[in-house]
Amino acid sequence: MRKRKNTVSLNIERLWKRAGIIVGLIGLAGIVWTASIWYQYQRTLPRHPDPVAGRIYPLNVHGIVVYQTRNERNWLDKIQYSSIAVFTASALMAAIHQKKFGRPPTPPKRGSSWTSGH
């Protein structure tokens, strides 16, 4: 007779897995958003410092240096670091899920069985 998992346990496992996937997608979206901001800055920001405008903070985007304000730099850093933290949290959730629930058992292959005497 096959042992059935508790329905509540199965629901918690599914919820944990879905939450981890959603958190991972949010973190990944933030990382992609950060990259798009980098390239937007590369296209739009000046390539020489402009102290009058406050553009004195260099940003090197693949060898092209542009200058940003402190607020632009801080905003980009917040998005980048929080996205990495969220993505790392999803990786931690995946590790906990793997440790707690493990992988589901694989079904036996068809054909000769280890119980057959051949």
N, C-alpha and C. Protein backbone atom coordinates (compact mmCIF):
# COMPACT_ATOMS: atom_id res chain seq x y z
N MET A 1 0.84 -1.18 0.00
CA MET A 1 0.00 0.00 0.00
C MET A 1 0.89 1.24 0.00
N ARG A 2 0.53 2.21 -0.82
CA ARG A 2 1.31 3.43 -0.94
C ARG A 2 0.88 4.43 0.12
N LYS A 3 1.86 5.05 0.74
CA LYS A 3 1.59 6.03 1.78
C LYS A 3 1.30 7.38 1.12
N ARG A 4 0.22 8.05 1.52
CA ARG A 4 -0.15 9.34 0.96
C ARG A 4 0.34 10.46 1.87
N LYS A 5 0.77 11.53 1.25
CA LYS A 5 1.21 12.69 2.02
C LYS A 5 0.02 13.39 2.63
N ASN A 6 0.25 14.01 3.72
CA ASN A 6 -0.76 14.83 4.35
C ASN A 6 -1.12 15.99 3.42
N THR A 7 -2.40 16.27 3.23
CA THR A 7 -2.84 17.32 2.31
C THR A 7 -2.33 18.68 2.75
N VAL A 8 -2.31 18.95 4.04
CA VAL A 8 -1.81 20.23 4.53
C VAL A 8 -0.33 20.37 4.21
N SER A 9 0.44 19.32 4.42
CA SER A 9 1.86 19.34 4.11
C SER A 9 2.11 19.57 2.63
N LEU A 10 1.28 18.95 1.80
CA LEU A 10 1.42 19.12 0.36
C LEU A 10 1.09 20.55 -0.05
N ASN A 11 0.07 21.14 0.57
CA ASN A 11 -0.28 22.53 0.28
C ASN A 11 0.82 23.49 0.72
N ILE A 12 1.43 23.23 1.86
CA ILE A 12 2.53 24.08 2.33
C ILE A 12 3.72 23.96 1.39
N GLU A 13 3.99 22.75 0.94
CA GLU A 13 5.10 22.55 -0.01
C GLU A 13 4.85 23.32 -1.31
N ARG A 14 3.65 23.23 -1.83
CA ARG A 14 3.31 23.96 -3.07
C ARG A 14 3.40 25.46 -2.86
N LEU A 15 2.89 25.94 -1.73
CA LEU A 15 2.93 27.37 -1.43
C LEU A 15 4.37 27.85 -1.33
N TRP A 16 5.20 27.11 -0.63
CA TRP A 16 6.61 27.46 -0.46
C TRP A 16 7.32 27.52 -1.81
N LYS A 17 7.05 26.54 -2.66
CA LYS A 17 7.68 26.49 -3.97
C LYS A 17 7.23 27.67 -4.84
N ARG A 18 5.94 27.94 -4.85
CA ARG A 18 5.42 29.06 -5.65
C ARG A 18 5.95 30.39 -5.14
N ALA A 19 6.00 30.57 -3.84
CA ALA A 19 6.52 31.81 -3.27
C ALA A 19 7.99 31.99 -3.66
N GLY A 20 8.75 30.92 -3.61
CA GLY A 20 10.16 31.00 -4.00
C GLY A 20 10.34 31.38 -5.46
N ILE A 21 9.49 30.83 -6.32
CA ILE A 21 9.56 31.15 -7.74
C ILE A 21 9.19 32.61 -7.97
N ILE A 22 8.14 33.07 -7.31
CA ILE A 22 7.71 34.47 -7.48
C ILE A 22 8.79 35.43 -6.98
N VAL A 23 9.37 35.14 -5.82
CA VAL A 23 10.43 35.99 -5.29
C VAL A 23 11.64 36.00 -6.23
N GLY A 24 11.98 34.85 -6.77
CA GLY A 24 13.09 34.77 -7.72
C GLY A 24 12.82 35.58 -8.98
N LEU A 25 11.60 35.52 -9.49
CA LEU A 25 11.25 36.29 -10.69
C LEU A 25 11.29 37.79 -10.42
N ILE A 26 10.86 38.19 -9.23
CA ILE A 26 10.91 39.61 -8.87
C ILE A 26 12.37 40.07 -8.80
N GLY A 27 13.22 39.27 -8.17
CA GLY A 27 14.65 39.62 -8.11
C GLY A 27 15.29 39.67 -9.49
N LEU A 28 14.95 38.72 -10.33
CA LEU A 28 15.49 38.70 -11.69
C LEU A 28 15.01 39.90 -12.49
N ALA A 29 13.74 40.26 -12.33
CA ALA A 29 13.21 41.45 -13.02
C ALA A 29 13.94 42.70 -12.57
N GLY A 30 14.25 42.79 -11.29
CA GLY A 30 15.00 43.94 -10.79
C GLY A 30 16.40 44.02 -11.37
N ILE A 31 17.04 42.87 -11.53
CA ILE A 31 18.38 42.84 -12.11
C ILE A 31 18.33 43.27 -13.57
N VAL A 32 17.33 42.80 -14.30
CA VAL A 32 17.16 43.22 -15.70
C VAL A 32 16.86 44.71 -15.77
N TRP A 33 16.05 45.21 -14.86
CA TRP A 33 15.72 46.63 -14.80
C TRP A 33 16.98 47.46 -14.56
N THR A 34 17.83 46.99 -13.65
CA THR A 34 19.09 47.68 -13.37
C THR A 34 19.95 47.76 -14.63
N ALA A 35 20.04 46.67 -15.35
CA ALA A 35 20.84 46.66 -16.58
C ALA A 35 20.28 47.65 -17.60
N SER A 36 18.96 47.72 -17.71
CA SER A 36 18.37 48.66 -18.66
C SER A 36 18.64 50.10 -18.25
N ILE A 37 18.66 50.37 -16.95
CA ILE A 37 18.98 51.72 -16.47
C ILE A 37 20.43 52.05 -16.79
N TRP A 38 21.33 51.10 -16.63
CA TRP A 38 22.74 51.33 -16.98
C TRP A 38 22.87 51.77 -18.43
N TYR A 39 22.19 51.04 -19.32
CA TYR A 39 22.29 51.37 -20.74
C TYR A 39 21.57 52.67 -21.08
N GLN A 40 20.50 52.97 -20.37
CA GLN A 40 19.84 54.26 -20.56
C GLN A 40 20.78 55.39 -20.13
N TYR A 41 21.44 55.21 -19.00
CA TYR A 41 22.41 56.21 -18.54
C TYR A 41 23.53 56.37 -19.57
N GLN A 42 23.98 55.25 -20.13
CA GLN A 42 25.06 55.30 -21.12
C GLN A 42 24.64 56.14 -22.33
N ARG A 43 23.39 56.03 -22.74
CA ARG A 43 22.91 56.78 -23.91
C ARG A 43 22.63 58.24 -23.60
N THR A 44 22.19 58.56 -22.37
CA THR A 44 21.66 59.89 -22.10
C THR A 44 22.55 60.79 -21.25
N LEU A 45 23.39 60.23 -20.41
CA LEU A 45 24.18 61.07 -19.50
C LEU A 45 25.45 61.58 -20.19
N PRO A 46 25.97 62.73 -19.70
CA PRO A 46 27.18 63.30 -20.32
C PRO A 46 28.41 62.46 -20.03
N ARG A 47 29.37 62.56 -20.93
CA ARG A 47 30.61 61.78 -20.79
C ARG A 47 31.73 62.59 -20.16
N HIS A 48 31.41 63.79 -19.74
CA HIS A 48 32.37 64.64 -19.03
C HIS A 48 31.68 65.16 -17.77
N PRO A 49 32.44 65.33 -16.69
CA PRO A 49 31.82 65.81 -15.46
C PRO A 49 31.26 67.23 -15.64
N ASP A 50 30.14 67.46 -14.99
CA ASP A 50 29.50 68.77 -15.01
C ASP A 50 29.20 69.17 -13.56
N PRO A 51 30.19 69.81 -12.89
CA PRO A 51 30.02 70.14 -11.47
C PRO A 51 28.83 71.07 -11.20
N VAL A 52 28.51 71.94 -12.14
CA VAL A 52 27.39 72.86 -11.94
C VAL A 52 26.08 72.09 -11.82
N ALA A 53 25.90 71.07 -12.62
CA ALA A 53 24.68 70.25 -12.59
C ALA A 53 24.76 69.15 -11.54
N GLY A 54 25.91 68.98 -10.91
CA GLY A 54 26.08 67.94 -9.90
C GLY A 54 26.44 66.59 -10.48
N ARG A 55 26.77 66.53 -11.75
CA ARG A 55 27.13 65.27 -12.41
C ARG A 55 28.63 65.04 -12.27
N ILE A 56 29.01 64.58 -11.10
CA ILE A 56 30.43 64.37 -10.80
C ILE A 56 30.74 62.92 -10.42
N TYR A 57 29.73 62.06 -10.39
CA TYR A 57 29.91 60.67 -9.99
C TYR A 57 30.04 59.79 -11.22
N PRO A 58 31.23 59.22 -11.46
CA PRO A 58 31.43 58.43 -12.68
C PRO A 58 30.73 57.07 -12.60
N LEU A 59 30.26 56.62 -13.74
CA LEU A 59 29.69 55.29 -13.90
C LEU A 59 30.29 54.69 -15.16
N ASN A 60 31.01 53.59 -15.01
CA ASN A 60 31.65 52.94 -16.15
C ASN A 60 30.71 51.85 -16.66
N VAL A 61 30.19 52.06 -17.87
CA VAL A 61 29.29 51.09 -18.50
C VAL A 61 30.05 50.47 -19.66
N HIS A 62 30.66 49.32 -19.40
CA HIS A 62 31.43 48.59 -20.41
C HIS A 62 32.44 49.48 -21.13
N GLY A 63 33.23 50.20 -20.34
CA GLY A 63 34.31 51.01 -20.91
C GLY A 63 33.93 52.43 -21.27
N ILE A 64 32.66 52.76 -21.20
CA ILE A 64 32.22 54.13 -21.48
C ILE A 64 31.85 54.77 -20.14
N VAL A 65 32.55 55.84 -19.80
CA VAL A 65 32.32 56.51 -18.52
C VAL A 65 31.35 57.66 -18.74
N VAL A 66 30.27 57.64 -17.95
CA VAL A 66 29.31 58.74 -17.93
C VAL A 66 29.25 59.29 -16.51
N TYR A 67 28.73 60.48 -16.38
CA TYR A 67 28.70 61.13 -15.06
C TYR A 67 27.26 61.35 -14.63
N GLN A 68 26.99 60.95 -13.40
CA GLN A 68 25.65 61.01 -12.85
C GLN A 68 25.63 61.85 -11.58
N THR A 69 24.43 62.22 -11.16
CA THR A 69 24.28 62.95 -9.90
C THR A 69 24.29 61.95 -8.75
N ARG A 70 24.39 62.46 -7.54
CA ARG A 70 24.37 61.59 -6.37
C ARG A 70 23.03 60.85 -6.27
N ASN A 71 21.93 61.54 -6.54
CA ASN A 71 20.61 60.89 -6.47
C ASN A 71 20.48 59.78 -7.50
N GLU A 72 20.97 60.00 -8.72
CA GLU A 72 20.93 58.95 -9.74
C GLU A 72 21.78 57.76 -9.33
N ARG A 73 22.94 58.03 -8.79
CA ARG A 73 23.82 56.94 -8.34
C ARG A 73 23.17 56.16 -7.21
N ASN A 74 22.62 56.89 -6.22
CA ASN A 74 22.01 56.21 -5.07
C ASN A 74 20.79 55.39 -5.49
N TRP A 75 19.97 55.93 -6.42
CA TRP A 75 18.79 55.21 -6.89
C TRP A 75 19.19 53.92 -7.60
N LEU A 76 20.20 54.01 -8.46
CA LEU A 76 20.68 52.83 -9.18
C LEU A 76 21.24 51.79 -8.21
N ASP A 77 22.00 52.25 -7.23
CA ASP A 77 22.56 51.32 -6.23
C ASP A 77 21.46 50.63 -5.42
N LYS A 78 20.43 51.38 -5.03
CA LYS A 78 19.33 50.78 -4.25
C LYS A 78 18.63 49.69 -5.04
N ILE A 79 18.34 49.98 -6.31
CA ILE A 79 17.66 48.98 -7.14
C ILE A 79 18.54 47.75 -7.32
N GLN A 80 19.82 47.99 -7.62
CA GLN A 80 20.73 46.88 -7.88
C GLN A 80 20.91 46.00 -6.64
N TYR A 81 21.22 46.60 -5.51
CA TYR A 81 21.50 45.81 -4.31
C TYR A 81 20.24 45.13 -3.77
N SER A 82 19.10 45.81 -3.84
CA SER A 82 17.88 45.16 -3.35
C SER A 82 17.46 44.02 -4.27
N SER A 83 17.68 44.17 -5.57
CA SER A 83 17.35 43.08 -6.50
C SER A 83 18.23 41.86 -6.25
N ILE A 84 19.50 42.11 -6.01
CA ILE A 84 20.41 41.00 -5.70
C ILE A 84 20.01 40.33 -4.40
N ALA A 85 19.62 41.13 -3.40
CA ALA A 85 19.20 40.57 -2.11
C ALA A 85 17.93 39.72 -2.27
N VAL A 86 16.97 40.21 -3.06
CA VAL A 86 15.73 39.46 -3.28
C VAL A 86 16.02 38.16 -4.02
N PHE A 87 16.88 38.22 -5.04
CA PHE A 87 17.22 37.02 -5.79
C PHE A 87 17.96 36.01 -4.89
N THR A 88 18.84 36.52 -4.03
CA THR A 88 19.55 35.65 -3.09
C THR A 88 18.57 35.01 -2.10
N ALA A 89 17.58 35.77 -1.67
CA ALA A 89 16.56 35.22 -0.77
C ALA A 89 15.81 34.08 -1.45
N SER A 90 15.54 34.22 -2.74
CA SER A 90 14.84 33.13 -3.44
C SER A 90 15.73 31.89 -3.55
N ALA A 91 17.03 32.10 -3.73
CA ALA A 91 17.95 30.96 -3.76
C ALA A 91 17.98 30.26 -2.40
N LEU A 92 17.94 31.05 -1.33
CA LEU A 92 17.89 30.48 0.02
C LEU A 92 16.58 29.72 0.23
N MET A 93 15.49 30.28 -0.27
CA MET A 93 14.20 29.58 -0.17
C MET A 93 14.23 28.26 -0.92
N ALA A 94 14.88 28.26 -2.09
CA ALA A 94 14.99 27.01 -2.87
C ALA A 94 15.82 25.98 -2.12
N ALA A 95 16.89 26.43 -1.47
CA ALA A 95 17.73 25.50 -0.71
C ALA A 95 16.96 24.92 0.48
N ILE A 96 16.20 25.76 1.16
CA ILE A 96 15.40 25.28 2.29
C ILE A 96 14.32 24.32 1.80
N HIS A 97 13.69 24.65 0.69
CA HIS A 97 12.66 23.76 0.11
C HIS A 97 13.26 22.41 -0.23
N GLN A 98 14.43 22.43 -0.84
CA GLN A 98 15.10 21.17 -1.22
C GLN A 98 15.45 20.35 0.03
N LYS A 99 15.93 21.04 1.06
CA LYS A 99 16.33 20.34 2.29
C LYS A 99 15.10 19.77 3.01
N LYS A 100 14.04 20.55 3.08
CA LYS A 100 12.85 20.12 3.84
C LYS A 100 12.02 19.09 3.08
N PHE A 101 11.78 19.34 1.80
CA PHE A 101 10.86 18.48 1.06
C PHE A 101 11.57 17.50 0.13
N GLY A 102 12.79 17.81 -0.27
CA GLY A 102 13.53 16.93 -1.16
C GLY A 102 12.88 16.82 -2.52
N ARG A 103 13.39 15.94 -3.31
CA ARG A 103 12.83 15.71 -4.64
C ARG A 103 11.79 14.59 -4.54
N PRO A 104 10.75 14.70 -5.36
CA PRO A 104 9.76 13.61 -5.33
C PRO A 104 10.38 12.34 -5.90
N PRO A 105 9.93 11.19 -5.43
CA PRO A 105 10.50 9.94 -5.93
C PRO A 105 10.16 9.75 -7.41
N THR A 106 11.09 9.17 -8.12
CA THR A 106 10.86 8.92 -9.54
C THR A 106 10.11 7.60 -9.68
N PRO A 107 9.19 7.52 -10.64
CA PRO A 107 8.45 6.27 -10.81
C PRO A 107 9.37 5.19 -11.36
N PRO A 108 9.08 3.92 -11.04
CA PRO A 108 9.93 2.84 -11.55
C PRO A 108 9.85 2.74 -13.06
N LYS A 109 10.94 2.31 -13.67
CA LYS A 109 10.98 2.15 -15.12
C LYS A 109 10.25 0.87 -15.51
N ARG A 110 9.67 0.91 -16.69
CA ARG A 110 8.99 -0.30 -17.17
C ARG A 110 10.02 -1.31 -17.64
N GLY A 111 9.63 -2.51 -17.67
CA GLY A 111 10.54 -3.57 -18.11
C GLY A 111 10.80 -4.55 -16.99
N SER A 112 11.97 -5.14 -17.01
CA SER A 112 12.26 -6.13 -15.98
C SER A 112 12.40 -5.46 -14.63
N SER A 113 11.92 -6.14 -13.66
CA SER A 113 11.94 -5.64 -12.30
C SER A 113 13.05 -6.34 -11.53
N TRP A 114 13.53 -5.72 -10.48
CA TRP A 114 14.57 -6.34 -9.69
C TRP A 114 14.03 -7.55 -8.93
N THR A 115 12.67 -7.63 -8.84
CA THR A 115 12.08 -8.76 -8.13
C THR A 115 11.92 -9.99 -9.03
N SER A 116 11.98 -9.76 -10.34
CA SER A 116 11.87 -10.93 -11.22
C SER A 116 13.18 -11.72 -11.13
N GLY A 117 13.11 -12.95 -11.16
CA GLY A 117 14.26 -13.82 -10.95
C GLY A 117 15.18 -13.94 -12.13
N HIS A 118 15.12 -13.10 -13.12
CA HIS A 118 15.97 -13.25 -14.32
C HIS A 118 17.21 -12.49 -14.21
